[in-house]
Amino acid sequence: NESGWLTAIENVSFDVAAREALGIVGESGSGKSVTALSILRLHT
């Protein structure tokens, strides 16, 4: 941002097994979508 770098998610760890359904829950701004986009490196 204008003043430098802002940490959006910090030290997030989890596994997903084959054929498993994992839910990620939280309010808007909790870091859910950032985590998902990071998996596929879809950030700008």
All heavy atoms as atom14 arrays in JSON, in Angstrom:
{
  "sequence": "NESGWLTAIENVSFDVAAREALGIVGESGSGKSVTALSILRLHT",
  "atom14_mask": [
    [1, 1, 1, 1, 1, 1, 1, 1, 0, 0, 0, 0, 0, 0],
    [1, 1, 1, 1, 1, 1, 1, 1, 1, 0, 0, 0, 0, 0],
    [1, 1, 1, 1, 1, 1, 0, 0, 0, 0, 0, 0, 0, 0],
    [1, 1, 1, 1, 0, 0, 0, 0, 0, 0, 0, 0, 0, 0],
    [1, 1, 1, 1, 1, 1, 1, 1, 1, 1, 1, 1, 1, 1],
    [1, 1, 1, 1, 1, 1, 1, 1, 0, 0, 0, 0, 0, 0],
    [1, 1, 1, 1, 1, 1, 1, 0, 0, 0, 0, 0, 0, 0],
    [1, 1, 1, 1, 1, 0, 0, 0, 0, 0, 0, 0, 0, 0],
    [1, 1, 1, 1, 1, 1, 1, 1, 0, 0, 0, 0, 0, 0],
    [1, 1, 1, 1, 1, 1, 1, 1, 1, 0, 0, 0, 0, 0],
    [1, 1, 1, 1, 1, 1, 1, 1, 0, 0, 0, 0, 0, 0],
    [1, 1, 1, 1, 1, 1, 1, 0, 0, 0, 0, 0, 0, 0],
    [1, 1, 1, 1, 1, 1, 0, 0, 0, 0, 0, 0, 0, 0],
    [1, 1, 1, 1, 1, 1, 1, 1, 1, 1, 1, 0, 0, 0],
    [1, 1, 1, 1, 1, 1, 1, 1, 0, 0, 0, 0, 0, 0],
    [1, 1, 1, 1, 1, 1, 1, 0, 0, 0, 0, 0, 0, 0],
    [1, 1, 1, 1, 1, 0, 0, 0, 0, 0, 0, 0, 0, 0],
    [1, 1, 1, 1, 1, 0, 0, 0, 0, 0, 0, 0, 0, 0],
    [1, 1, 1, 1, 1, 1, 1, 1, 1, 1, 1, 0, 0, 0],
    [1, 1, 1, 1, 1, 1, 1, 1, 1, 0, 0, 0, 0, 0],
    [1, 1, 1, 1, 1, 0, 0, 0, 0, 0, 0, 0, 0, 0],
    [1, 1, 1, 1, 1, 1, 1, 1, 0, 0, 0, 0, 0, 0],
    [1, 1, 1, 1, 0, 0, 0, 0, 0, 0, 0, 0, 0, 0],
    [1, 1, 1, 1, 1, 1, 1, 1, 0, 0, 0, 0, 0, 0],
    [1, 1, 1, 1, 1, 1, 1, 0, 0, 0, 0, 0, 0, 0],
    [1, 1, 1, 1, 0, 0, 0, 0, 0, 0, 0, 0, 0, 0],
    [1, 1, 1, 1, 1, 1, 1, 1, 1, 0, 0, 0, 0, 0],
    [1, 1, 1, 1, 1, 1, 0, 0, 0, 0, 0, 0, 0, 0],
    [1, 1, 1, 1, 0, 0, 0, 0, 0, 0, 0, 0, 0, 0],
    [1, 1, 1, 1, 1, 1, 0, 0, 0, 0, 0, 0, 0, 0],
    [1, 1, 1, 1, 0, 0, 0, 0, 0, 0, 0, 0, 0, 0],
    [1, 1, 1, 1, 1, 1, 1, 1, 1, 0, 0, 0, 0, 0],
    [1, 1, 1, 1, 1, 1, 0, 0, 0, 0, 0, 0, 0, 0],
    [1, 1, 1, 1, 1, 1, 1, 0, 0, 0, 0, 0, 0, 0],
    [1, 1, 1, 1, 1, 1, 1, 0, 0, 0, 0, 0, 0, 0],
    [1, 1, 1, 1, 1, 0, 0, 0, 0, 0, 0, 0, 0, 0],
    [1, 1, 1, 1, 1, 1, 1, 1, 0, 0, 0, 0, 0, 0],
    [1, 1, 1, 1, 1, 1, 0, 0, 0, 0, 0, 0, 0, 0],
    [1, 1, 1, 1, 1, 1, 1, 1, 0, 0, 0, 0, 0, 0],
    [1, 1, 1, 1, 1, 1, 1, 1, 0, 0, 0, 0, 0, 0],
    [1, 1, 1, 1, 1, 1, 1, 1, 1, 1, 1, 0, 0, 0],
    [1, 1, 1, 1, 1, 1, 1, 1, 0, 0, 0, 0, 0, 0],
    [1, 1, 1, 1, 1, 1, 1, 1, 1, 1, 0, 0, 0, 0],
    [1, 1, 1, 1, 1, 1, 1, 0, 0, 0, 0, 0, 0, 0]
  ],
  "atom14_positions": [
    [[0.85, -1.19, 0.0], [0.0, 0.0, 0.0], [0.89, 1.23, 0.0], [2.11, 1.15, -0.2], [-0.97, -0.01, 1.18], [-0.28, 0.27, 2.51], [0.95, 0.31, 2.6], [-1.07, 0.47, 3.55], [0.0, 0.0, 0.0], [0.0, 0.0, 0.0], [0.0, 0.0, 0.0], [0.0, 0.0, 0.0], [0.0, 0.0, 0.0], [0.0, 0.0, 0.0]],
    [[0.32, 2.41, 0.23], [1.08, 3.66, 0.12], [2.21, 3.76, 1.14], [3.23, 4.41, 0.89], [0.13, 4.86, 0.28], [-0.92, 4.94, -0.82], [-1.93, 6.04, -0.55], [-1.83, 6.65, 0.54], [-2.78, 6.29, -1.42], [0.0, 0.0, 0.0], [0.0, 0.0, 0.0], [0.0, 0.0, 0.0], [0.0, 0.0, 0.0], [0.0, 0.0, 0.0]],
    [[2.03, 3.11, 2.27], [3.03, 3.22, 3.34], [3.98, 2.02, 3.43], [4.86, 2.0, 4.28], [2.33, 3.41, 4.69], [1.48, 2.3, 4.95], [0.0, 0.0, 0.0], [0.0, 0.0, 0.0], [0.0, 0.0, 0.0], [0.0, 0.0, 0.0], [0.0, 0.0, 0.0], [0.0, 0.0, 0.0], [0.0, 0.0, 0.0], [0.0, 0.0, 0.0]],
    [[3.79, 1.03, 2.57], [4.67, -0.14, 2.63], [3.9, -1.42, 2.38], [3.07, -1.49, 1.47], [0.0, 0.0, 0.0], [0.0, 0.0, 0.0], [0.0, 0.0, 0.0], [0.0, 0.0, 0.0], [0.0, 0.0, 0.0], [0.0, 0.0, 0.0], [0.0, 0.0, 0.0], [0.0, 0.0, 0.0], [0.0, 0.0, 0.0], [0.0, 0.0, 0.0]],
    [[4.17, -2.42, 3.22], [3.55, -3.73, 3.06], [2.65, -4.04, 4.26], [3.06, -3.85, 5.4], [4.6, -4.82, 2.92], [5.39, -4.73, 1.65], [6.57, -4.08, 1.45], [5.03, -5.29, 0.39], [6.97, -4.2, 0.15], [6.05, -4.94, -0.53], [3.96, -6.07, -0.05], [6.02, -5.34, -1.86], [3.92, -6.46, -1.38], [4.94, -6.11, -2.27]],
    [[1.45, -4.53, 3.99], [0.51, -4.93, 5.02], [0.36, -6.45, 4.99], [0.14, -7.04, 3.93], [-0.86, -4.3, 4.79], [-0.97, -2.78, 4.94], [-2.41, -2.34, 4.66], [-0.55, -2.35, 6.33], [0.0, 0.0, 0.0], [0.0, 0.0, 0.0], [0.0, 0.0, 0.0], [0.0, 0.0, 0.0], [0.0, 0.0, 0.0], [0.0, 0.0, 0.0]],
    [[0.48, -7.06, 6.15], [0.33, -8.52, 6.23], [-1.15, -8.88, 6.21], [-1.92, -8.45, 7.07], [0.98, -9.05, 7.52], [2.38, -8.75, 7.5], [0.8, -10.56, 7.62], [0.0, 0.0, 0.0], [0.0, 0.0, 0.0], [0.0, 0.0, 0.0], [0.0, 0.0, 0.0], [0.0, 0.0, 0.0], [0.0, 0.0, 0.0], [0.0, 0.0, 0.0]],
    [[-1.54, -9.67, 5.21], [-2.95, -10.07, 5.06], [-3.23, -11.39, 5.77], [-4.28, -11.55, 6.4], [-3.3, -10.19, 3.58], [0.0, 0.0, 0.0], [0.0, 0.0, 0.0], [0.0, 0.0, 0.0], [0.0, 0.0, 0.0], [0.0, 0.0, 0.0], [0.0, 0.0, 0.0], [0.0, 0.0, 0.0], [0.0, 0.0, 0.0], [0.0, 0.0, 0.0]],
    [[-2.34, -12.36, 5.63], [-2.44, -13.61, 6.39], [-1.06, -13.94, 6.94], [-0.04, -13.6, 6.35], [-2.99, -14.78, 5.55], [-2.08, -15.08, 4.35], [-4.39, -14.5, 5.08], [-2.49, -16.35, 3.6], [0.0, 0.0, 0.0], [0.0, 0.0, 0.0], [0.0, 0.0, 0.0], [0.0, 0.0, 0.0], [0.0, 0.0, 0.0], [0.0, 0.0, 0.0]],
    [[-1.04, -14.61, 8.08], [0.23, -14.84, 8.77], [0.31, -16.26, 9.32], [-0.56, -16.71, 10.07], [0.38, -13.84, 9.92], [1.71, -13.91, 10.64], [1.88, -12.8, 11.67], [0.92, -12.01, 11.86], [2.94, -12.73, 12.29], [0.0, 0.0, 0.0], [0.0, 0.0, 0.0], [0.0, 0.0, 0.0], [0.0, 0.0, 0.0], [0.0, 0.0, 0.0]],
    [[1.34, -16.98, 8.91], [1.65, -18.32, 9.42], [0.44, -19.27, 9.35], [0.13, -19.97, 10.32], [2.16, -18.24, 10.86], [3.46, -17.49, 10.95], [4.28, -17.52, 10.04], [3.68, -16.79, 12.06], [0.0, 0.0, 0.0], [0.0, 0.0, 0.0], [0.0, 0.0, 0.0], [0.0, 0.0, 0.0], [0.0, 0.0, 0.0], [0.0, 0.0, 0.0]],
    [[-0.2, -19.3, 8.21], [-1.36, -20.18, 8.0], [-0.87, -21.56, 7.56], [-0.09, -21.68, 6.62], [-2.32, -19.59, 6.96], [-3.39, -20.61, 6.57], [-2.95, -18.32, 7.49], [0.0, 0.0, 0.0], [0.0, 0.0, 0.0], [0.0, 0.0, 0.0], [0.0, 0.0, 0.0], [0.0, 0.0, 0.0], [0.0, 0.0, 0.0], [0.0, 0.0, 0.0]],
    [[-1.33, -22.59, 8.26], [-0.95, -23.97, 7.93], [-2.18, -24.87, 7.94], [-3.03, -24.75, 8.83], [0.07, -24.51, 8.95], [1.28, -23.77, 8.93], [0.0, 0.0, 0.0], [0.0, 0.0, 0.0], [0.0, 0.0, 0.0], [0.0, 0.0, 0.0], [0.0, 0.0, 0.0], [0.0, 0.0, 0.0], [0.0, 0.0, 0.0], [0.0, 0.0, 0.0]],
    [[-2.26, -25.75, 6.96], [-3.32, -26.76, 6.93], [-3.02, -27.77, 5.84], [-2.21, -27.51, 4.94], [-4.71, -26.13, 6.7], [-4.87, -25.42, 5.39], [-5.34, -26.08, 4.26], [-4.55, -24.08, 5.27], [-5.49, -25.42, 3.04], [-4.71, -23.4, 4.07], [-5.18, -24.07, 2.96], [0.0, 0.0, 0.0], [0.0, 0.0, 0.0], [0.0, 0.0, 0.0]],
    [[-3.66, -28.93, 5.92], [-3.56, -29.97, 4.9], [-4.94, -30.26, 4.34], [-5.96, -30.06, 5.0], [-3.0, -31.27, 5.5], [-1.54, -31.14, 5.92], [-0.82, -30.3, 5.33], [-1.13, -31.86, 6.85], [0.0, 0.0, 0.0], [0.0, 0.0, 0.0], [0.0, 0.0, 0.0], [0.0, 0.0, 0.0], [0.0, 0.0, 0.0], [0.0, 0.0, 0.0]],
    [[-4.95, -30.76, 3.12], [-6.18, -31.28, 2.5], [-5.86, -32.67, 1.97], [-4.98, -32.82, 1.12], [-6.69, -30.38, 1.36], [-7.99, -30.94, 0.8], [-6.9, -28.95, 1.85], [0.0, 0.0, 0.0], [0.0, 0.0, 0.0], [0.0, 0.0, 0.0], [0.0, 0.0, 0.0], [0.0, 0.0, 0.0], [0.0, 0.0, 0.0], [0.0, 0.0, 0.0]],
    [[-6.56, -33.66, 2.47], [-6.33, -35.03, 2.02], [-7.05, -35.28, 0.7], [-7.95, -34.54, 0.3], [-6.81, -36.02, 3.08], [0.0, 0.0, 0.0], [0.0, 0.0, 0.0], [0.0, 0.0, 0.0], [0.0, 0.0, 0.0], [0.0, 0.0, 0.0], [0.0, 0.0, 0.0], [0.0, 0.0, 0.0], [0.0, 0.0, 0.0], [0.0, 0.0, 0.0]],
    [[-6.66, -36.34, 0.02], [-7.35, -36.73, -1.2], [-8.81, -37.03, -0.88], [-9.12, -37.68, 0.12], [-6.67, -37.97, -1.81], [0.0, 0.0, 0.0], [0.0, 0.0, 0.0], [0.0, 0.0, 0.0], [0.0, 0.0, 0.0], [0.0, 0.0, 0.0], [0.0, 0.0, 0.0], [0.0, 0.0, 0.0], [0.0, 0.0, 0.0], [0.0, 0.0, 0.0]],
    [[-9.71, -36.49, -1.69], [-11.16, -36.69, -1.6], [-11.78, -36.08, -0.34], [-12.93, -36.36, -0.02], [-11.5, -38.19, -1.69], [-11.11, -38.82, -3.02], [-11.26, -40.33, -2.98], [-10.32, -40.95, -2.04], [-9.03, -41.16, -2.29], [-8.52, -40.84, -3.48], [-8.25, -41.71, -1.4], [0.0, 0.0, 0.0], [0.0, 0.0, 0.0], [0.0, 0.0, 0.0]],
    [[-11.04, -35.24, 0.36], [-11.57, -34.61, 1.57], [-12.26, -33.28, 1.24], [-11.91, -32.61, 0.26], [-10.43, -34.32, 2.56], [-10.9, -33.67, 3.85], [-9.77, -33.26, 4.78], [-8.63, -33.12, 4.3], [-10.03, -33.09, 5.98], [0.0, 0.0, 0.0], [0.0, 0.0, 0.0], [0.0, 0.0, 0.0], [0.0, 0.0, 0.0], [0.0, 0.0, 0.0]],
    [[-13.23, -32.9, 2.06], [-13.87, -31.59, 1.97], [-13.46, -30.77, 3.2], [-13.8, -31.13, 4.32], [-15.38, -31.73, 1.91], [0.0, 0.0, 0.0], [0.0, 0.0, 0.0], [0.0, 0.0, 0.0], [0.0, 0.0, 0.0], [0.0, 0.0, 0.0], [0.0, 0.0, 0.0], [0.0, 0.0, 0.0], [0.0, 0.0, 0.0], [0.0, 0.0, 0.0]],
    [[-12.71, -29.69, 2.95], [-12.26, -28.8, 4.02], [-13.02, -27.49, 3.91], [-13.1, -26.89, 2.84], [-10.76, -28.54, 3.91], [-10.19, -27.48, 4.86], [-10.15, -28.01, 6.3], [-8.8, -27.03, 4.42], [0.0, 0.0, 0.0], [0.0, 0.0, 0.0], [0.0, 0.0, 0.0], [0.0, 0.0, 0.0], [0.0, 0.0, 0.0], [0.0, 0.0, 0.0]],
    [[-13.55, -27.01, 5.02], [-14.21, -25.72, 5.05], [-13.3, -24.67, 5.67], [-12.6, -24.95, 6.64], [0.0, 0.0, 0.0], [0.0, 0.0, 0.0], [0.0, 0.0, 0.0], [0.0, 0.0, 0.0], [0.0, 0.0, 0.0], [0.0, 0.0, 0.0], [0.0, 0.0, 0.0], [0.0, 0.0, 0.0], [0.0, 0.0, 0.0], [0.0, 0.0, 0.0]],
    [[-13.29, -23.47, 5.08], [-12.58, -22.33, 5.66], [-13.63, -21.26, 5.93], [-14.33, -20.82, 5.01], [-11.48, -21.79, 4.74], [-10.46, -22.89, 4.41], [-10.77, -20.61, 5.39], [-9.33, -22.43, 3.5], [0.0, 0.0, 0.0], [0.0, 0.0, 0.0], [0.0, 0.0, 0.0], [0.0, 0.0, 0.0], [0.0, 0.0, 0.0], [0.0, 0.0, 0.0]],
    [[-13.75, -20.82, 7.19], [-14.83, -19.92, 7.58], [-14.28, -18.72, 8.33], [-13.24, -18.8, 8.99], [-15.87, -20.69, 8.44], [-15.27, -21.06, 9.79], [-17.14, -19.88, 8.61], [0.0, 0.0, 0.0], [0.0, 0.0, 0.0], [0.0, 0.0, 0.0], [0.0, 0.0, 0.0], [0.0, 0.0, 0.0], [0.0, 0.0, 0.0], [0.0, 0.0, 0.0]],
    [[-14.98, -17.6, 8.21], [-14.6, -16.38, 8.9], [-15.33, -15.2, 8.28], [-15.89, -15.31, 7.18], [0.0, 0.0, 0.0], [0.0, 0.0, 0.0], [0.0, 0.0, 0.0], [0.0, 0.0, 0.0], [0.0, 0.0, 0.0], [0.0, 0.0, 0.0], [0.0, 0.0, 0.0], [0.0, 0.0, 0.0], [0.0, 0.0, 0.0], [0.0, 0.0, 0.0]],
    [[-15.32, -14.07, 8.97], [-15.94, -12.87, 8.44], [-15.18, -12.34, 7.24], [-14.04, -12.74, 6.98], [-15.97, -11.78, 9.53], [-16.81, -12.1, 10.75], [-16.55, -11.11, 11.86], [-15.58, -11.29, 12.6], [-17.32, -10.14, 11.98], [0.0, 0.0, 0.0], [0.0, 0.0, 0.0], [0.0, 0.0, 0.0], [0.0, 0.0, 0.0], [0.0, 0.0, 0.0]],
    [[-15.79, -11.4, 6.53], [-15.08, -10.71, 5.45], [-13.86, -10.02, 6.03], [-13.94, -9.36, 7.07], [-16.01, -9.67, 4.8], [-17.11, -10.29, 4.19], [0.0, 0.0, 0.0], [0.0, 0.0, 0.0], [0.0, 0.0, 0.0], [0.0, 0.0, 0.0], [0.0, 0.0, 0.0], [0.0, 0.0, 0.0], [0.0, 0.0, 0.0], [0.0, 0.0, 0.0]],
    [[-12.72, -10.19, 5.36], [-11.48, -9.6, 5.85], [-10.67, -10.52, 6.73], [-9.6, -10.14, 7.22], [0.0, 0.0, 0.0], [0.0, 0.0, 0.0], [0.0, 0.0, 0.0], [0.0, 0.0, 0.0], [0.0, 0.0, 0.0], [0.0, 0.0, 0.0], [0.0, 0.0, 0.0], [0.0, 0.0, 0.0], [0.0, 0.0, 0.0], [0.0, 0.0, 0.0]],
    [[-11.13, -11.76, 6.92], [-10.4, -12.67, 7.79], [-9.22, -13.34, 7.09], [-8.36, -13.94, 7.75], [-11.35, -13.75, 8.33], [-11.89, -14.52, 7.28], [0.0, 0.0, 0.0], [0.0, 0.0, 0.0], [0.0, 0.0, 0.0], [0.0, 0.0, 0.0], [0.0, 0.0, 0.0], [0.0, 0.0, 0.0], [0.0, 0.0, 0.0], [0.0, 0.0, 0.0]],
    [[-9.18, -13.29, 5.75], [-8.06, -13.88, 5.02], [-8.41, -15.14, 4.25], [-7.53, -15.77, 3.66], [0.0, 0.0, 0.0], [0.0, 0.0, 0.0], [0.0, 0.0, 0.0], [0.0, 0.0, 0.0], [0.0, 0.0, 0.0], [0.0, 0.0, 0.0], [0.0, 0.0, 0.0], [0.0, 0.0, 0.0], [0.0, 0.0, 0.0], [0.0, 0.0, 0.0]],
    [[-9.68, -15.49, 4.19], [-10.1, -16.72, 3.51], [-9.75, -16.71, 2.02], [-9.1, -17.61, 1.49], [-11.6, -16.95, 3.67], [-12.13, -16.84, 5.07], [-13.61, -17.14, 5.16], [-14.47, -16.23, 4.3], [-14.38, -14.81, 4.68], [0.0, 0.0, 0.0], [0.0, 0.0, 0.0], [0.0, 0.0, 0.0], [0.0, 0.0, 0.0], [0.0, 0.0, 0.0]],
    [[-10.22, -15.66, 1.34], [-10.0, -15.59, -0.11], [-8.54, -15.36, -0.45], [-8.04, -15.87, -1.47], [-10.86, -14.47, -0.72], [-12.23, -14.77, -0.6], [0.0, 0.0, 0.0], [0.0, 0.0, 0.0], [0.0, 0.0, 0.0], [0.0, 0.0, 0.0], [0.0, 0.0, 0.0], [0.0, 0.0, 0.0], [0.0, 0.0, 0.0], [0.0, 0.0, 0.0]],
    [[-7.82, -14.62, 0.38], [-6.38, -14.42, 0.16], [-5.67, -15.76, 0.19], [-4.8, -16.05, -0.64], [-5.79, -13.47, 1.21], [-4.26, -13.4, 1.08], [-6.4, -12.08, 1.09], [0.0, 0.0, 0.0], [0.0, 0.0, 0.0], [0.0, 0.0, 0.0], [0.0, 0.0, 0.0], [0.0, 0.0, 0.0], [0.0, 0.0, 0.0], [0.0, 0.0, 0.0]],
    [[-6.05, -16.6, 1.14], [-5.46, -17.94, 1.24], [-5.74, -18.74, -0.02], [-4.84, -19.38, -0.59], [-6.02, -18.67, 2.47], [-5.73, -17.92, 3.66], [-5.42, -20.06, 2.61], [0.0, 0.0, 0.0], [0.0, 0.0, 0.0], [0.0, 0.0, 0.0], [0.0, 0.0, 0.0], [0.0, 0.0, 0.0], [0.0, 0.0, 0.0], [0.0, 0.0, 0.0]],
    [[-6.98, -18.7, -0.49], [-7.35, -19.46, -1.69], [-6.61, -18.97, -2.93], [-6.07, -19.77, -3.71], [-8.87, -19.36, -1.92], [0.0, 0.0, 0.0], [0.0, 0.0, 0.0], [0.0, 0.0, 0.0], [0.0, 0.0, 0.0], [0.0, 0.0, 0.0], [0.0, 0.0, 0.0], [0.0, 0.0, 0.0], [0.0, 0.0, 0.0], [0.0, 0.0, 0.0]],
    [[-6.55, -17.67, -3.12], [-5.86, -17.1, -4.28], [-4.37, -17.4, -4.24], [-3.73, -17.57, -5.29], [-6.09, -15.6, -4.35], [-7.53, -15.15, -4.65], [-7.67, -13.65, -4.47], [-7.94, -15.54, -6.06], [0.0, 0.0, 0.0], [0.0, 0.0, 0.0], [0.0, 0.0, 0.0], [0.0, 0.0, 0.0], [0.0, 0.0, 0.0], [0.0, 0.0, 0.0]],
    [[-3.82, -17.48, -3.04], [-2.38, -17.74, -2.91], [-2.02, -19.15, -3.37], [-0.92, -19.39, -3.87], [-1.94, -17.55, -1.46], [-2.17, -16.21, -1.04], [0.0, 0.0, 0.0], [0.0, 0.0, 0.0], [0.0, 0.0, 0.0], [0.0, 0.0, 0.0], [0.0, 0.0, 0.0], [0.0, 0.0, 0.0], [0.0, 0.0, 0.0], [0.0, 0.0, 0.0]],
    [[-2.94, -20.09, -3.19], [-2.68, -21.47, -3.6], [-2.34, -21.54, -5.08], [-1.43, -22.26, -5.51], [-3.88, -22.37, -3.25], [-4.02, -22.49, -1.73], [-3.72, -23.76, -3.88], [-5.29, -23.2, -1.28], [0.0, 0.0, 0.0], [0.0, 0.0, 0.0], [0.0, 0.0, 0.0], [0.0, 0.0, 0.0], [0.0, 0.0, 0.0], [0.0, 0.0, 0.0]],
    [[-3.06, -20.75, -5.88], [-2.84, -20.75, -7.33], [-2.04, -19.54, -7.8], [-1.93, -19.29, -9.0], [-4.18, -20.81, -8.06], [-4.9, -22.15, -7.98], [-6.29, -22.06, -8.58], [-4.09, -23.23, -8.69], [0.0, 0.0, 0.0], [0.0, 0.0, 0.0], [0.0, 0.0, 0.0], [0.0, 0.0, 0.0], [0.0, 0.0, 0.0], [0.0, 0.0, 0.0]],
    [[-1.5, -18.79, -6.86], [-0.7, -17.6, -7.18], [-1.44, -16.68, -8.15], [-0.93, -16.28, -9.2], [0.66, -18.02, -7.74], [1.6, -18.57, -6.67], [2.78, -19.32, -7.22], [3.53, -18.59, -8.23], [4.53, -19.12, -8.94], [4.89, -20.38, -8.72], [5.18, -18.41, -9.83], [0.0, 0.0, 0.0], [0.0, 0.0, 0.0], [0.0, 0.0, 0.0]],
    [[-2.65, -16.32, -7.76], [-3.49, -15.5, -8.61], [-3.49, -14.02, -8.23], [-4.27, -13.26, -8.77], [-4.94, -16.03, -8.59], [-5.17, -17.36, -9.3], [-6.59, -17.86, -9.09], [-4.87, -17.23, -10.8], [0.0, 0.0, 0.0], [0.0, 0.0, 0.0], [0.0, 0.0, 0.0], [0.0, 0.0, 0.0], [0.0, 0.0, 0.0], [0.0, 0.0, 0.0]],
    [[-2.64, -13.64, -7.3], [-2.56, -12.23, -6.93], [-1.84, -11.43, -8.02], [-1.05, -11.97, -8.81], [-1.82, -12.07, -5.6], [-2.51, -12.73, -4.45], [-3.75, -12.36, -4.02], [-2.12, -13.75, -3.64], [-4.11, -13.12, -3.0], [-3.14, -13.96, -2.76], [0.0, 0.0, 0.0], [0.0, 0.0, 0.0], [0.0, 0.0, 0.0], [0.0, 0.0, 0.0]],
    [[-2.09, -10.13, -8.03], [-1.46, -9.26, -9.01], [0.03, -9.13, -8.75], [0.43, -8.75, -7.64], [-2.11, -7.86, -8.97], [-3.51, -7.99, -9.15], [-1.53, -6.97, -10.07], [0.0, 0.0, 0.0], [0.0, 0.0, 0.0], [0.0, 0.0, 0.0], [0.0, 0.0, 0.0], [0.0, 0.0, 0.0], [0.0, 0.0, 0.0], [0.0, 0.0, 0.0]]
  ]
}
